[in-house]
Amino acid sequence: IDVLGQYGFSENFAATVDAGYTQLFAKDNGVDVSLIPIRAGIRYYATPALYFGGKVGIGIQKAKGFDGVTTTAYSFGAGYKLDSKFDVGASYDGYSKNGSIGLIGVRLGYTFGN
């Protein structure tokens, strides 16, 4: 789950902020991990529909029975606006501190407002 806000400051560039929640389920009696990213970034619109973006910020990582850890959270990816309300995208999300966790994601987004 992720919520993203965007402010366009030119025809081709927009600033973004986002926050979300991801639950990673462990296999074979491992420990489940929760990730909460809080990031700011930029989007470049190569065309009115095609965009590329990157974000950086903090990630809160929590596992049952362990203290929470604050990590560096980052993401980069691309997307395509299907119409004025829906877009699809793919991204790589990373969390780093004394090692790293990386996720590849696909998403369907819905735009509220303009």
C-alpha atoms as a PDB file:
ATOM      1  CA  ILE A   1       0.000   0.000   0.000  1.00  0.00           C
ATOM      2  CA  ASP A   2       1.389   3.391  -0.927  1.00  0.00           C
ATOM      3  CA  VAL A   3       0.101   6.970  -1.041  1.00  0.00           C
ATOM      4  CA  LEU A   4       1.919   9.444  -3.283  1.00  0.00           C
ATOM      5  CA  GLY A   5       1.480  13.194  -3.636  1.00  0.00           C
ATOM      6  CA  GLN A   6       2.754  15.036  -6.690  1.00  0.00           C
ATOM      7  CA  TYR A   7       3.298  18.712  -7.489  1.00  0.00           C
ATOM      8  CA  GLY A   8       4.112  19.648 -11.089  1.00  0.00           C
ATOM      9  CA  PHE A   9       6.505  22.569 -11.292  1.00  0.00           C
ATOM     10  CA  SER A  10       6.923  22.457 -15.083  1.00  0.00           C
ATOM     11  CA  GLU A  11       5.493  20.580 -18.046  1.00  0.00           C
ATOM     12  CA  ASN A  12       8.137  17.850 -17.708  1.00  0.00           C
ATOM     13  CA  PHE A  13       9.058  17.772 -13.996  1.00  0.00           C
ATOM     14  CA  ALA A  14       7.151  17.075 -10.778  1.00  0.00           C
ATOM     15  CA  ALA A  15       8.152  16.737  -7.119  1.00  0.00           C
ATOM     16  CA  THR A  16       6.758  13.738  -5.225  1.00  0.00           C
ATOM     17  CA  VAL A  17       6.356  12.616  -1.623  1.00  0.00           C
ATOM     18  CA  ASP A  18       5.155   9.169  -0.597  1.00  0.00           C
ATOM     19  CA  ALA A  19       4.605   6.894   2.355  1.00  0.00           C
ATOM     20  CA  GLY A  20       3.569   3.279   2.415  1.00  0.00           C
ATOM     21  CA  TYR A  21       3.523  -0.102   4.086  1.00  0.00           C
ATOM     22  CA  THR A  22       4.913  -3.422   2.829  1.00  0.00           C
ATOM     23  CA  GLN A  23       4.770  -6.765   4.639  1.00  0.00           C
ATOM     24  CA  LEU A  24       7.321  -9.420   3.635  1.00  0.00           C
ATOM     25  CA  PHE A  25       6.237 -12.920   4.657  1.00  0.00           C
ATOM     26  CA  ALA A  26       9.073 -15.291   5.549  1.00  0.00           C
ATOM     27  CA  LYS A  27       9.367 -18.909   4.437  1.00  0.00           C
ATOM     28  CA  ASP A  28      10.512 -21.914   6.463  1.00  0.00           C
ATOM     29  CA  ASN A  29       9.997 -20.490   9.975  1.00  0.00           C
ATOM     30  CA  GLY A  30      11.761 -17.251   9.118  1.00  0.00           C
ATOM     31  CA  VAL A  31      10.812 -13.848  10.538  1.00  0.00           C
ATOM     32  CA  ASP A  32       8.254 -11.639   8.759  1.00  0.00           C
ATOM     33  CA  VAL A  33       9.447  -8.073   8.093  1.00  0.00           C
ATOM     34  CA  SER A  34       7.388  -4.869   7.864  1.00  0.00           C
ATOM     35  CA  LEU A  35       8.696  -1.897   5.856  1.00  0.00           C
ATOM     36  CA  ILE A  36       7.396   1.672   6.060  1.00  0.00           C
ATOM     37  CA  PRO A  37       8.999   4.023   3.513  1.00  0.00           C
ATOM     38  CA  ILE A  38       8.755   7.822   3.777  1.00  0.00           C
ATOM     39  CA  ARG A  39      10.398   9.386   0.717  1.00  0.00           C
ATOM     40  CA  ALA A  40      10.643  12.465  -1.487  1.00  0.00           C
ATOM     41  CA  GLY A  41      11.520  12.411  -5.149  1.00  0.00           C
ATOM     42  CA  ILE A  42      11.218  13.730  -8.648  1.00  0.00           C
ATOM     43  CA  ARG A  43       9.416  12.594 -11.796  1.00  0.00           C
ATOM     44  CA  TYR A  44      10.455  13.385 -15.337  1.00  0.00           C
ATOM     45  CA  TYR A  45       7.724  13.193 -17.977  1.00  0.00           C
ATOM     46  CA  ALA A  46       9.392  12.218 -21.271  1.00  0.00           C
ATOM     47  CA  THR A  47       5.953  12.521 -22.921  1.00  0.00           C
ATOM     48  CA  PRO A  48       2.598  13.526 -21.405  1.00  0.00           C
ATOM     49  CA  ALA A  49       2.029   9.811 -20.631  1.00  0.00           C
ATOM     50  CA  LEU A  50       5.499   8.261 -20.046  1.00  0.00           C
ATOM     51  CA  TYR A  51       7.433   9.135 -16.884  1.00  0.00           C
ATOM     52  CA  PHE A  52      10.597   8.120 -15.032  1.00  0.00           C
ATOM     53  CA  GLY A  53      11.226   8.815 -11.373  1.00  0.00           C
ATOM     54  CA  GLY A  54      13.390   8.387  -8.342  1.00  0.00           C
ATOM     55  CA  LYS A  55      12.777   8.774  -4.596  1.00  0.00           C
ATOM     56  CA  VAL A  56      14.931   8.741  -1.461  1.00  0.00           C
ATOM     57  CA  GLY A  57      14.170   8.986   2.244  1.00  0.00           C
ATOM     58  CA  ILE A  58      13.899   6.826   5.334  1.00  0.00           C
ATOM     59  CA  GLY A  59      12.499   3.357   5.795  1.00  0.00           C
ATOM     60  CA  ILE A  60      11.344   1.924   9.087  1.00  0.00           C
ATOM     61  CA  GLN A  61      12.029  -1.801   9.224  1.00  0.00           C
ATOM     62  CA  LYS A  62      10.380  -3.936  11.913  1.00  0.00           C
ATOM     63  CA  ALA A  63      10.422  -7.663  12.593  1.00  0.00           C
ATOM     64  CA  LYS A  64       8.506  -9.459  15.347  1.00  0.00           C
ATOM     65  CA  GLY A  65      10.699  -9.833  18.426  1.00  0.00           C
ATOM     66  CA  PHE A  66      13.253  -7.242  17.236  1.00  0.00           C
ATOM     67  CA  ASP A  67      13.631  -3.486  17.703  1.00  0.00           C
ATOM     68  CA  GLY A  68      12.690  -1.306  14.745  1.00  0.00           C
ATOM     69  CA  VAL A  69      15.530  -0.095  12.527  1.00  0.00           C
ATOM     70  CA  THR A  70      15.659   3.106  10.475  1.00  0.00           C
ATOM     71  CA  THR A  71      17.183   2.541   7.047  1.00  0.00           C
ATOM     72  CA  THR A  72      17.863   4.510   3.886  1.00  0.00           C
ATOM     73  CA  ALA A  73      14.922   3.929   1.551  1.00  0.00           C
ATOM     74  CA  TYR A  74      15.212   4.546  -2.191  1.00  0.00           C
ATOM     75  CA  SER A  75      13.280   3.754  -5.331  1.00  0.00           C
ATOM     76  CA  PHE A  76      13.482   4.250  -9.081  1.00  0.00           C
ATOM     77  CA  GLY A  77      11.139   3.250 -11.837  1.00  0.00           C
ATOM     78  CA  ALA A  78       8.935   4.187 -14.767  1.00  0.00           C
ATOM     79  CA  GLY A  79       5.249   4.428 -15.490  1.00  0.00           C
ATOM     80  CA  TYR A  80       2.677   5.130 -18.150  1.00  0.00           C
ATOM     81  CA  LYS A  81      -0.540   7.134 -17.741  1.00  0.00           C
ATOM     82  CA  LEU A  82      -3.378   5.137 -19.306  1.00  0.00           C
ATOM     83  CA  ASP A  83      -5.782   8.097 -19.071  1.00  0.00           C
ATOM     84  CA  SER A  84      -6.405  11.041 -16.729  1.00  0.00           C
ATOM     85  CA  LYS A  85      -7.127   8.754 -13.728  1.00  0.00           C
ATOM     86  CA  PHE A  86      -5.169   5.479 -14.121  1.00  0.00           C
ATOM     87  CA  ASP A  87      -1.506   4.664 -14.633  1.00  0.00           C
ATOM     88  CA  VAL A  88       0.676   1.558 -14.494  1.00  0.00           C
ATOM     89  CA  GLY A  89       4.281   1.359 -13.396  1.00  0.00           C
ATOM     90  CA  ALA A  90       7.213  -0.775 -12.364  1.00  0.00           C
ATOM     91  CA  SER A  91       9.895   0.068  -9.812  1.00  0.00           C
ATOM     92  CA  TYR A  92      12.801  -1.157  -7.750  1.00  0.00           C
ATOM     93  CA  ASP A  93      12.583  -0.323  -4.016  1.00  0.00           C
ATOM     94  CA  GLY A  94      15.647  -0.681  -1.814  1.00  0.00           C
ATOM     95  CA  TYR A  95      16.302  -0.440   1.923  1.00  0.00           C
ATOM     96  CA  SER A  96      19.915  -0.253   3.146  1.00  0.00           C
ATOM     97  CA  LYS A  97      21.638  -0.364   6.513  1.00  0.00           C
ATOM     98  CA  ASN A  98      24.364  -2.935   7.234  1.00  0.00           C
ATOM     99  CA  GLY A  99      23.018  -4.950   4.298  1.00  0.00           C
ATOM    100  CA  SER A 100      20.047  -4.370   2.055  1.00  0.00           C
ATOM    101  CA  ILE A 101      16.612  -5.571   1.017  1.00  0.00           C
ATOM    102  CA  GLY A 102      15.441  -5.039  -2.556  1.00  0.00           C
ATOM    103  CA  LEU A 103      11.989  -5.415  -4.077  1.00  0.00           C
ATOM    104  CA  ILE A 104      10.731  -5.251  -7.652  1.00  0.00           C
ATOM    105  CA  GLY A 105       7.145  -4.083  -7.872  1.00  0.00           C
ATOM    106  CA  VAL A 106       4.403  -3.421 -10.384  1.00  0.00           C
ATOM    107  CA  ARG A 107       1.464  -1.205  -9.609  1.00  0.00           C
ATOM    108  CA  LEU A 108      -1.799   0.202 -10.817  1.00  0.00           C
ATOM    109  CA  GLY A 109      -2.302   3.763  -9.663  1.00  0.00           C
ATOM    110  CA  TYR A 110      -5.417   5.918  -9.386  1.00  0.00           C
ATOM    111  CA  THR A 111      -5.311   9.737  -9.417  1.00  0.00           C
ATOM    112  CA  PHE A 112      -7.595  11.673  -7.058  1.00  0.00           C
ATOM    113  CA  GLY A 113      -8.246  15.270  -8.038  1.00  0.00           C
ATOM    114  CA  ASN A 114      -6.716  16.768 -11.181  1.00  0.00           C
END
